[in-house]
């Protein structure tokens, strides 16, 4: 179950609105959605949360590039909405690296053997902790700009410690708990 909301900063404080992400396919779409909610090109925060598995914050300030923080990249990578946030740049990959990885996976089976090569039944495969084709590509744990909310009242160290009910704690630190609760 996902929850997504926009928090737009105004002269009078924060305004919250829940948002549907059904038409959002890219980070660019998400950024456009945030900019549409902006008042006078002020700060807009996009919150995305998948139960207690992971959460993400995208900060859009006017026409600047969005700043992104994801609490658990490996969990987000298994989510369609998380994949929107996990850009090549955020993951430190060359643009198009995902296409290259997919092409290589077609050449080499997921078991590590090339097509036509016999599979081994060695017991050493049981000890591997491989979560599939993206293992090793997407790091476990937080990724992105952990200082994304520092100037708004939530220090980097506190953001990194958040796990459950994180969006409520973030909103509380920003002074927006009541408005976020109205859209929950």
N, C-alpha and C. Protein backbone atom coordinates (compact mmCIF):
# COMPACT_ATOMS: atom_id res chain seq x y z
N UNK A 1 0.83 -1.18 0.00
CA UNK A 1 0.00 0.00 0.00
C UNK A 1 0.88 1.24 0.00
N UNK A 2 0.59 2.14 -0.90
CA UNK A 2 1.35 3.37 -1.03
C UNK A 2 0.57 4.56 -0.50
N UNK A 3 1.33 5.55 -0.07
CA UNK A 3 0.76 6.85 0.27
C UNK A 3 1.64 7.88 -0.40
N UNK A 4 1.01 8.83 -1.07
CA UNK A 4 1.75 9.91 -1.71
C UNK A 4 1.05 11.22 -1.43
N UNK A 5 1.82 12.24 -1.13
CA UNK A 5 1.27 13.57 -0.85
C UNK A 5 2.24 14.64 -1.31
N UNK A 6 1.68 15.81 -1.59
CA UNK A 6 2.47 16.99 -1.91
C UNK A 6 2.31 17.98 -0.78
N UNK A 7 3.41 18.57 -0.35
CA UNK A 7 3.39 19.66 0.62
C UNK A 7 3.98 20.88 -0.07
N UNK A 8 3.17 21.90 -0.25
CA UNK A 8 3.63 23.12 -0.90
C UNK A 8 3.76 24.21 0.15
N UNK A 9 4.90 24.86 0.16
CA UNK A 9 5.15 25.95 1.12
C UNK A 9 4.55 27.24 0.56
N UNK A 10 3.81 27.93 1.43
CA UNK A 10 3.20 29.20 1.05
C UNK A 10 3.57 30.24 2.10
N UNK A 11 3.11 31.46 1.88
CA UNK A 11 3.34 32.53 2.87
C UNK A 11 2.69 32.19 4.21
N UNK A 12 1.59 31.44 4.16
CA UNK A 12 0.83 31.11 5.37
C UNK A 12 1.23 29.77 5.99
N UNK A 13 2.26 29.14 5.49
CA UNK A 13 2.68 27.84 6.00
C UNK A 13 2.65 26.79 4.90
N UNK A 14 2.34 25.57 5.27
CA UNK A 14 2.32 24.46 4.33
C UNK A 14 0.89 24.13 3.94
N UNK A 15 0.71 23.75 2.67
CA UNK A 15 -0.57 23.23 2.18
C UNK A 15 -0.30 21.82 1.69
N UNK A 16 -1.15 20.89 2.09
CA UNK A 16 -0.96 19.50 1.70
C UNK A 16 -2.08 19.05 0.77
N UNK A 17 -1.72 18.16 -0.13
CA UNK A 17 -2.72 17.52 -0.98
C UNK A 17 -2.25 16.10 -1.25
N UNK A 18 -3.21 15.18 -1.22
CA UNK A 18 -2.82 13.83 -1.60
C UNK A 18 -2.74 13.81 -3.11
N UNK A 19 -2.01 12.88 -3.62
CA UNK A 19 -1.82 12.86 -5.07
C UNK A 19 -1.83 11.42 -5.56
N UNK A 20 -2.36 11.26 -6.74
CA UNK A 20 -2.34 9.98 -7.41
C UNK A 20 -1.11 9.93 -8.31
N UNK A 21 -0.41 8.84 -8.28
CA UNK A 21 0.79 8.71 -9.08
C UNK A 21 0.58 7.80 -10.29
N UNK A 22 -0.70 7.51 -10.59
CA UNK A 22 -1.00 6.60 -11.70
C UNK A 22 -0.45 7.08 -13.03
N UNK A 23 -0.45 8.40 -13.27
CA UNK A 23 0.03 8.94 -14.54
C UNK A 23 1.50 9.34 -14.50
N UNK A 24 2.16 9.12 -13.38
CA UNK A 24 3.57 9.48 -13.22
C UNK A 24 4.43 8.27 -13.59
N UNK A 25 5.24 8.45 -14.63
CA UNK A 25 6.11 7.36 -15.07
C UNK A 25 7.59 7.66 -14.90
N UNK A 26 7.92 8.95 -14.77
CA UNK A 26 9.33 9.34 -14.68
C UNK A 26 9.50 10.39 -13.60
N UNK A 27 10.75 10.62 -13.23
CA UNK A 27 11.05 11.69 -12.28
C UNK A 27 10.64 13.04 -12.85
N UNK A 28 10.77 13.19 -14.13
CA UNK A 28 10.37 14.44 -14.79
C UNK A 28 8.86 14.68 -14.63
N UNK A 29 8.05 13.63 -14.78
CA UNK A 29 6.60 13.74 -14.55
C UNK A 29 6.31 14.15 -13.12
N UNK A 30 7.02 13.54 -12.18
CA UNK A 30 6.82 13.85 -10.76
C UNK A 30 7.23 15.29 -10.45
N UNK A 31 8.32 15.73 -11.04
CA UNK A 31 8.79 17.11 -10.85
C UNK A 31 7.78 18.10 -11.42
N UNK A 32 7.23 17.80 -12.59
CA UNK A 32 6.21 18.67 -13.18
C UNK A 32 4.97 18.75 -12.28
N UNK A 33 4.57 17.62 -11.71
CA UNK A 33 3.44 17.59 -10.80
C UNK A 33 3.69 18.49 -9.59
N UNK A 34 4.90 18.43 -9.06
CA UNK A 34 5.27 19.27 -7.91
C UNK A 34 5.28 20.74 -8.30
N UNK A 35 5.84 21.05 -9.44
CA UNK A 35 5.90 22.46 -9.88
C UNK A 35 4.50 23.02 -10.11
N UNK A 36 3.58 22.20 -10.57
CA UNK A 36 2.19 22.65 -10.76
C UNK A 36 1.54 23.00 -9.43
N UNK A 37 1.97 22.36 -8.34
CA UNK A 37 1.41 22.62 -7.01
C UNK A 37 2.08 23.80 -6.32
N UNK A 38 3.17 24.29 -6.89
CA UNK A 38 3.95 25.35 -6.27
C UNK A 38 3.25 26.70 -6.34
N UNK A 39 3.41 27.46 -5.27
CA UNK A 39 2.93 28.83 -5.22
C UNK A 39 4.14 29.74 -5.35
N UNK A 40 4.17 30.55 -6.39
CA UNK A 40 5.29 31.48 -6.62
C UNK A 40 6.65 30.80 -6.64
N UNK A 41 6.71 29.60 -7.23
CA UNK A 41 7.94 28.83 -7.34
C UNK A 41 8.60 28.55 -5.99
N UNK A 42 7.80 28.45 -4.95
CA UNK A 42 8.33 28.13 -3.63
C UNK A 42 8.53 26.62 -3.51
N UNK A 43 9.04 26.19 -2.40
CA UNK A 43 9.38 24.78 -2.16
C UNK A 43 8.14 23.89 -2.16
N UNK A 44 8.26 22.77 -2.85
CA UNK A 44 7.25 21.72 -2.81
C UNK A 44 7.96 20.42 -2.47
N UNK A 45 7.38 19.67 -1.55
CA UNK A 45 7.91 18.37 -1.17
C UNK A 45 6.93 17.30 -1.64
N UNK A 46 7.45 16.25 -2.23
CA UNK A 46 6.64 15.10 -2.60
C UNK A 46 7.04 13.98 -1.65
N UNK A 47 6.05 13.45 -0.95
CA UNK A 47 6.29 12.33 -0.05
C UNK A 47 5.71 11.08 -0.70
N UNK A 48 6.49 10.01 -0.72
CA UNK A 48 6.01 8.71 -1.17
C UNK A 48 6.42 7.70 -0.12
N UNK A 49 5.47 6.86 0.25
CA UNK A 49 5.76 5.87 1.30
C UNK A 49 5.11 4.55 0.93
N UNK A 50 5.83 3.47 1.10
CA UNK A 50 5.26 2.14 0.95
C UNK A 50 5.28 1.49 2.32
N UNK A 51 4.13 1.54 2.98
CA UNK A 51 3.99 1.02 4.33
C UNK A 51 5.23 1.31 5.14
N UNK A 52 5.82 0.33 5.77
CA UNK A 52 7.04 0.57 6.54
C UNK A 52 8.29 0.08 5.80
N UNK A 53 8.16 -0.20 4.50
CA UNK A 53 9.29 -0.73 3.74
C UNK A 53 10.29 0.36 3.36
N UNK A 54 9.78 1.51 2.88
CA UNK A 54 10.66 2.60 2.46
C UNK A 54 9.83 3.87 2.30
N UNK A 55 10.53 5.01 2.30
CA UNK A 55 9.88 6.27 1.98
C UNK A 55 10.85 7.12 1.17
N UNK A 56 10.28 8.03 0.43
CA UNK A 56 11.10 8.93 -0.37
C UNK A 56 10.59 10.35 -0.25
N UNK A 57 11.52 11.30 -0.34
CA UNK A 57 11.18 12.72 -0.33
C UNK A 57 11.84 13.33 -1.56
N UNK A 58 11.03 14.02 -2.35
CA UNK A 58 11.55 14.76 -3.49
C UNK A 58 11.26 16.23 -3.20
N UNK A 59 12.31 17.03 -3.27
CA UNK A 59 12.16 18.47 -3.02
C UNK A 59 12.36 19.21 -4.33
N UNK A 60 11.38 20.06 -4.65
CA UNK A 60 11.45 20.86 -5.86
C UNK A 60 11.38 22.33 -5.44
N UNK A 61 12.43 23.08 -5.77
CA UNK A 61 12.50 24.51 -5.49
C UNK A 61 12.54 25.25 -6.83
N UNK A 62 11.40 25.78 -7.23
CA UNK A 62 11.34 26.52 -8.49
C UNK A 62 11.79 25.67 -9.66
N UNK A 63 12.71 26.22 -10.45
CA UNK A 63 13.19 25.52 -11.65
C UNK A 63 14.46 24.72 -11.40
N UNK A 64 14.92 24.67 -10.15
CA UNK A 64 16.12 23.89 -9.84
C UNK A 64 15.85 22.40 -10.03
N UNK A 65 16.92 21.62 -10.21
CA UNK A 65 16.79 20.18 -10.30
C UNK A 65 16.23 19.65 -8.99
N UNK A 66 15.40 18.61 -9.06
CA UNK A 66 14.85 18.05 -7.82
C UNK A 66 15.94 17.42 -6.97
N UNK A 67 15.75 17.49 -5.66
CA UNK A 67 16.63 16.84 -4.70
C UNK A 67 15.87 15.65 -4.15
N UNK A 68 16.53 14.50 -4.08
CA UNK A 68 15.86 13.25 -3.74
C UNK A 68 16.54 12.57 -2.57
N UNK A 69 15.71 12.03 -1.68
CA UNK A 69 16.20 11.16 -0.60
C UNK A 69 15.30 9.93 -0.56
N UNK A 70 15.89 8.75 -0.51
CA UNK A 70 15.16 7.49 -0.40
C UNK A 70 15.71 6.74 0.80
N UNK A 71 14.83 6.30 1.70
CA UNK A 71 15.26 5.68 2.95
C UNK A 71 15.90 4.31 2.77
N UNK A 72 15.47 3.54 1.77
CA UNK A 72 16.02 2.21 1.54
C UNK A 72 15.98 1.93 0.04
N UNK A 73 17.10 2.13 -0.61
CA UNK A 73 17.16 2.01 -2.07
C UNK A 73 16.81 0.61 -2.56
N UNK A 74 17.27 -0.42 -1.87
CA UNK A 74 17.00 -1.78 -2.35
C UNK A 74 15.51 -2.11 -2.24
N UNK A 75 14.85 -1.65 -1.20
CA UNK A 75 13.40 -1.86 -1.08
C UNK A 75 12.66 -1.05 -2.13
N UNK A 76 13.09 0.18 -2.35
CA UNK A 76 12.44 1.04 -3.35
C UNK A 76 12.62 0.49 -4.76
N UNK A 77 13.74 -0.18 -5.02
CA UNK A 77 14.00 -0.73 -6.35
C UNK A 77 13.01 -1.81 -6.72
N UNK A 78 12.37 -2.41 -5.73
CA UNK A 78 11.37 -3.45 -5.98
C UNK A 78 9.97 -2.87 -6.10
N UNK A 79 9.88 -1.56 -6.18
CA UNK A 79 8.60 -0.86 -6.22
C UNK A 79 8.54 0.00 -7.48
N UNK A 80 7.39 0.00 -8.13
CA UNK A 80 7.27 0.81 -9.35
C UNK A 80 7.45 2.29 -9.05
N UNK A 81 6.96 2.77 -7.93
CA UNK A 81 7.13 4.18 -7.58
C UNK A 81 8.56 4.46 -7.12
N UNK A 82 9.16 3.51 -6.48
CA UNK A 82 10.55 3.67 -6.06
C UNK A 82 11.48 3.76 -7.25
N UNK A 83 11.19 2.99 -8.29
CA UNK A 83 12.03 3.03 -9.48
C UNK A 83 12.04 4.41 -10.12
N UNK A 84 10.96 5.17 -9.96
CA UNK A 84 10.90 6.53 -10.50
C UNK A 84 11.97 7.40 -9.83
N UNK A 85 12.17 7.20 -8.53
CA UNK A 85 13.11 8.02 -7.77
C UNK A 85 14.56 7.59 -7.95
N UNK A 86 14.79 6.32 -8.24
CA UNK A 86 16.14 5.78 -8.32
C UNK A 86 16.71 5.98 -9.72
N UNK A 87 17.09 7.21 -9.99
CA UNK A 87 17.64 7.56 -11.29
C UNK A 87 19.08 7.06 -11.41
N UNK A 88 19.57 7.00 -12.64
CA UNK A 88 20.97 6.62 -12.86
C UNK A 88 21.90 7.54 -12.08
N UNK A 89 21.61 8.83 -12.11
CA UNK A 89 22.46 9.80 -11.40
C UNK A 89 22.48 9.52 -9.90
N UNK A 90 21.31 9.25 -9.32
CA UNK A 90 21.23 8.98 -7.88
C UNK A 90 22.01 7.72 -7.52
N UNK A 91 21.96 6.72 -8.41
CA UNK A 91 22.64 5.45 -8.16
C UNK A 91 24.10 5.46 -8.57
N UNK A 92 24.54 6.58 -9.16
CA UNK A 92 25.93 6.69 -9.57
C UNK A 92 26.26 5.86 -10.79
N UNK A 93 25.25 5.60 -11.63
CA UNK A 93 25.46 4.83 -12.85
C UNK A 93 25.52 5.78 -14.05
N UNK A 94 26.13 5.31 -15.09
CA UNK A 94 26.13 6.05 -16.35
C UNK A 94 24.70 6.00 -16.90
N UNK A 95 24.23 7.08 -17.51
CA UNK A 95 22.90 7.05 -18.13
C UNK A 95 22.81 5.90 -19.13
N UNK A 96 21.71 5.17 -19.06
CA UNK A 96 21.52 4.02 -19.94
C UNK A 96 22.11 2.74 -19.40
N UNK A 97 22.72 2.79 -18.22
CA UNK A 97 23.35 1.59 -17.65
C UNK A 97 22.32 0.48 -17.43
N UNK A 98 21.10 0.85 -17.08
CA UNK A 98 20.06 -0.15 -16.86
C UNK A 98 19.78 -0.94 -18.14
N UNK A 99 19.79 -0.25 -19.30
CA UNK A 99 19.59 -0.93 -20.57
C UNK A 99 20.74 -1.89 -20.85
N UNK A 100 21.96 -1.48 -20.53
CA UNK A 100 23.13 -2.33 -20.71
C UNK A 100 23.05 -3.56 -19.82
N UNK A 101 22.64 -3.35 -18.58
CA UNK A 101 22.50 -4.47 -17.64
C UNK A 101 21.46 -5.46 -18.15
N UNK A 102 20.33 -4.96 -18.63
CA UNK A 102 19.27 -5.83 -19.16
C UNK A 102 19.78 -6.63 -20.36
N UNK A 103 20.56 -5.99 -21.23
CA UNK A 103 21.10 -6.67 -22.40
C UNK A 103 22.08 -7.77 -21.97
N UNK A 104 22.90 -7.48 -20.97
CA UNK A 104 23.84 -8.48 -20.48
C UNK A 104 23.12 -9.65 -19.83
N UNK A 105 22.02 -9.37 -19.13
CA UNK A 105 21.27 -10.43 -18.48
C UNK A 105 20.64 -11.37 -19.50
N UNK A 106 20.33 -10.86 -20.69
CA UNK A 106 19.80 -11.72 -21.74
C UNK A 106 20.87 -12.67 -22.25
N UNK A 107 22.13 -12.21 -22.28
CA UNK A 107 23.23 -13.05 -22.75
C UNK A 107 23.63 -14.09 -21.72
N UNK A 108 23.57 -13.71 -20.46
CA UNK A 108 23.97 -14.60 -19.37
C UNK A 108 22.73 -14.89 -18.54
N UNK A 109 22.47 -16.17 -18.30
CA UNK A 109 21.31 -16.54 -17.49
C UNK A 109 21.45 -16.01 -16.08
N UNK A 110 20.35 -15.94 -15.37
CA UNK A 110 20.37 -15.45 -14.00
C UNK A 110 21.18 -16.34 -13.07
N UNK A 111 21.44 -17.58 -13.51
CA UNK A 111 22.25 -18.47 -12.68
C UNK A 111 23.74 -18.28 -12.93
N UNK A 112 24.09 -17.34 -13.82
CA UNK A 112 25.50 -17.04 -14.07
C UNK A 112 26.10 -17.85 -15.19
N UNK A 113 25.31 -18.70 -15.86
CA UNK A 113 25.84 -19.48 -16.96
C UNK A 113 25.38 -18.88 -18.27
N UNK A 114 26.20 -19.05 -19.29
CA UNK A 114 25.79 -18.59 -20.61
C UNK A 114 24.79 -19.58 -21.18
N UNK A 115 24.00 -19.10 -22.17
CA UNK A 115 23.03 -20.00 -22.80
C UNK A 115 23.73 -21.23 -23.35
N UNK A 116 23.15 -22.39 -23.09
CA UNK A 116 23.70 -23.64 -23.58
C UNK A 116 24.73 -24.26 -22.66
N UNK A 117 25.24 -23.52 -21.71
CA UNK A 117 26.23 -24.04 -20.76
C UNK A 117 25.49 -24.80 -19.67
N UNK A 118 25.95 -25.98 -19.30
CA UNK A 118 25.23 -26.74 -18.28
C UNK A 118 25.29 -26.06 -16.91
N UNK A 119 24.18 -26.18 -16.18
CA UNK A 119 24.14 -25.61 -14.83
C UNK A 119 24.86 -26.56 -13.89
N UNK A 120 25.56 -26.01 -12.92
CA UNK A 120 26.21 -26.84 -11.91
C UNK A 120 25.27 -26.96 -10.73
N UNK A 121 25.42 -28.02 -9.99
CA UNK A 121 24.58 -28.23 -8.82
C UNK A 121 25.41 -28.15 -7.56
N UNK A 122 26.47 -27.39 -7.60
CA UNK A 122 27.35 -27.26 -6.44
C UNK A 122 26.61 -26.62 -5.28
N UNK A 123 26.94 -27.04 -4.08
CA UNK A 123 26.28 -26.52 -2.88
C UNK A 123 26.70 -25.09 -2.57
N UNK A 124 27.78 -24.58 -3.17
CA UNK A 124 28.24 -23.24 -2.84
C UNK A 124 27.24 -22.17 -3.29
N UNK A 125 26.32 -22.49 -4.17
CA UNK A 125 25.30 -21.53 -4.59
C UNK A 125 24.29 -21.26 -3.48
N UNK A 126 24.16 -22.19 -2.54
CA UNK A 126 23.20 -22.00 -1.45
C UNK A 126 23.63 -20.91 -0.49
N UNK A 127 24.94 -20.64 -0.43
CA UNK A 127 25.44 -19.64 0.50
C UNK A 127 25.34 -18.21 -0.03
N UNK A 128 25.03 -18.06 -1.32
CA UNK A 128 24.97 -16.73 -1.90
C UNK A 128 23.71 -16.01 -1.45
N UNK A 129 23.84 -14.74 -1.20
CA UNK A 129 22.71 -13.90 -0.82
C UNK A 129 22.43 -12.97 -2.00
N UNK A 130 21.80 -13.50 -3.04
CA UNK A 130 21.57 -12.76 -4.27
C UNK A 130 20.08 -12.50 -4.42
N UNK A 131 19.73 -11.25 -4.50
CA UNK A 131 18.32 -10.88 -4.62
C UNK A 131 17.89 -10.75 -6.08
N UNK A 132 18.61 -11.32 -7.01
CA UNK A 132 18.22 -11.26 -8.41
C UNK A 132 19.14 -10.38 -9.21
N UNK A 133 18.66 -9.98 -10.39
CA UNK A 133 19.52 -9.27 -11.32
C UNK A 133 19.99 -7.91 -10.83
N UNK A 134 19.27 -7.28 -9.93
CA UNK A 134 19.68 -5.95 -9.48
C UNK A 134 20.57 -5.99 -8.25
N UNK A 135 20.83 -7.18 -7.72
CA UNK A 135 21.69 -7.27 -6.56
C UNK A 135 23.06 -6.73 -6.89
N UNK A 136 23.59 -5.91 -6.00
CA UNK A 136 24.88 -5.31 -6.24
C UNK A 136 24.78 -4.01 -7.03
N UNK A 137 23.71 -3.81 -7.77
CA UNK A 137 23.53 -2.59 -8.55
C UNK A 137 22.90 -1.51 -7.69
N UNK A 138 21.91 -1.86 -6.89
CA UNK A 138 21.22 -0.91 -6.02
C UNK A 138 21.64 -1.18 -4.58
N UNK A 139 22.23 -0.18 -3.92
CA UNK A 139 22.71 -0.40 -2.55
C UNK A 139 21.55 -0.51 -1.56
N UNK A 140 21.78 -1.26 -0.51
CA UNK A 140 20.81 -1.33 0.57
C UNK A 140 20.97 -0.08 1.43
N UNK A 141 19.88 0.37 2.00
CA UNK A 141 19.93 1.52 2.90
C UNK A 141 19.65 2.83 2.20
N UNK A 142 19.84 3.93 2.93
CA UNK A 142 19.51 5.25 2.40
C UNK A 142 20.39 5.66 1.23
N UNK A 143 19.79 6.47 0.35
CA UNK A 143 20.52 6.99 -0.79
C UNK A 143 19.96 8.37 -1.13
N UNK A 144 20.82 9.20 -1.65
CA UNK A 144 20.37 10.52 -2.08
C UNK A 144 20.85 11.63 -1.16
N UNK A 145 20.14 12.74 -1.20
CA UNK A 145 20.51 13.95 -0.47
C UNK A 145 19.92 13.91 0.94
N UNK A 146 20.69 13.45 1.89
CA UNK A 146 20.19 13.33 3.27
C UNK A 146 20.03 14.69 3.95
N UNK A 147 20.55 15.74 3.34
CA UNK A 147 20.38 17.09 3.86
C UNK A 147 19.22 17.83 3.20
N UNK A 148 18.37 17.10 2.49
CA UNK A 148 17.29 17.70 1.71
C UNK A 148 16.33 18.54 2.56
N UNK A 149 16.21 18.25 3.84
CA UNK A 149 15.27 18.96 4.71
C UNK A 149 15.95 19.75 5.82
N UNK A 150 17.27 19.79 5.82
CA UNK A 150 18.02 20.43 6.90
C UNK A 150 17.61 21.88 7.13
N UNK A 151 17.49 22.65 6.06
CA UNK A 151 17.14 24.07 6.22
C UNK A 151 15.66 24.28 6.54
N UNK A 152 14.87 23.21 6.51
CA UNK A 152 13.44 23.30 6.83
C UNK A 152 13.12 22.80 8.24
N UNK A 153 14.13 22.36 8.98
CA UNK A 153 13.92 21.98 10.37
C UNK A 153 14.19 20.53 10.71
N UNK A 154 14.62 19.72 9.74
CA UNK A 154 14.93 18.32 10.03
C UNK A 154 16.38 18.04 9.66
N UNK A 155 17.25 17.99 10.67
CA UNK A 155 18.67 17.75 10.41
C UNK A 155 18.92 16.40 9.74
N UNK A 156 20.01 16.35 9.03
CA UNK A 156 20.42 15.15 8.29
C UNK A 156 20.45 13.90 9.17
N UNK A 157 21.03 14.01 10.34
CA UNK A 157 21.16 12.85 11.23
C UNK A 157 19.79 12.30 11.64
N UNK A 158 18.83 13.18 11.87
CA UNK A 158 17.49 12.73 12.25
C UNK A 158 16.78 12.05 11.08
N UNK A 159 16.95 12.59 9.88
CA UNK A 159 16.33 11.98 8.70
C UNK A 159 16.85 10.56 8.51
N UNK A 160 18.14 10.38 8.67
CA UNK A 160 18.76 9.07 8.49
C UNK A 160 18.28 8.04 9.51
N UNK A 161 17.79 8.49 10.66
CA UNK A 161 17.34 7.57 11.71
C UNK A 161 15.87 7.17 11.57
N UNK A 162 15.11 7.86 10.74
CA UNK A 162 13.68 7.58 10.62
C UNK A 162 13.43 6.24 9.95
N UNK A 163 12.48 5.49 10.46
CA UNK A 163 12.12 4.19 9.89
C UNK A 163 10.60 4.08 9.72
N UNK A 164 9.87 3.93 10.82
CA UNK A 164 8.43 3.76 10.74
C UNK A 164 7.73 5.08 11.02
N UNK A 165 6.61 5.29 10.37
CA UNK A 165 5.83 6.52 10.48
C UNK A 165 6.69 7.75 10.19
N UNK A 166 7.61 7.58 9.26
CA UNK A 166 8.60 8.61 8.95
C UNK A 166 7.96 9.90 8.43
N UNK A 167 6.98 9.77 7.55
CA UNK A 167 6.39 10.98 6.96
C UNK A 167 5.70 11.84 8.01
N UNK A 168 5.08 11.22 8.99
CA UNK A 168 4.46 11.99 10.08
C UNK A 168 5.53 12.72 10.89
N UNK A 169 6.64 12.05 11.15
CA UNK A 169 7.73 12.69 11.90
C UNK A 169 8.36 13.83 11.10
N UNK A 170 8.50 13.64 9.80
CA UNK A 170 9.05 14.71 8.94
C UNK A 170 8.11 15.91 8.97
N UNK A 171 6.82 15.65 8.76
CA UNK A 171 5.82 16.72 8.75
C UNK A 171 5.81 17.45 10.08
N UNK A 172 5.95 16.72 11.18
CA UNK A 172 5.98 17.34 12.50
C UNK A 172 7.18 18.28 12.63
N UNK A 173 8.34 17.84 12.16
CA UNK A 173 9.54 18.67 12.23
C UNK A 173 9.41 19.93 11.36
N UNK A 174 8.64 19.84 10.29
CA UNK A 174 8.45 20.97 9.39
C UNK A 174 7.31 21.89 9.84
N UNK A 175 6.57 21.45 10.87
CA UNK A 175 5.41 22.22 11.30
C UNK A 175 4.21 22.00 10.41
N UNK A 176 4.15 20.85 9.76
CA UNK A 176 3.08 20.56 8.81
C UNK A 176 2.31 19.29 9.16
N UNK A 177 2.41 18.85 10.41
CA UNK A 177 1.78 17.58 10.80
C UNK A 177 0.27 17.61 10.61
N UNK A 178 -0.36 18.70 11.01
CA UNK A 178 -1.82 18.78 10.91
C UNK A 178 -2.29 18.76 9.46
N UNK A 179 -1.62 19.52 8.59
CA UNK A 179 -2.06 19.55 7.19
C UNK A 179 -1.79 18.21 6.48
N UNK A 180 -0.71 17.52 6.83
CA UNK A 180 -0.46 16.22 6.25
C UNK A 180 -1.51 15.21 6.72
N UNK A 181 -1.87 15.30 7.99
CA UNK A 181 -2.86 14.38 8.55
C UNK A 181 -4.22 14.53 7.86
N UNK A 182 -4.53 15.71 7.38
CA UNK A 182 -5.83 15.92 6.70
C UNK A 182 -5.93 15.16 5.39
N UNK A 183 -4.80 14.87 4.76
CA UNK A 183 -4.84 14.13 3.48
C UNK A 183 -4.52 12.65 3.64
N UNK A 184 -4.15 12.24 4.82
CA UNK A 184 -3.86 10.82 5.06
C UNK A 184 -5.12 10.07 5.06
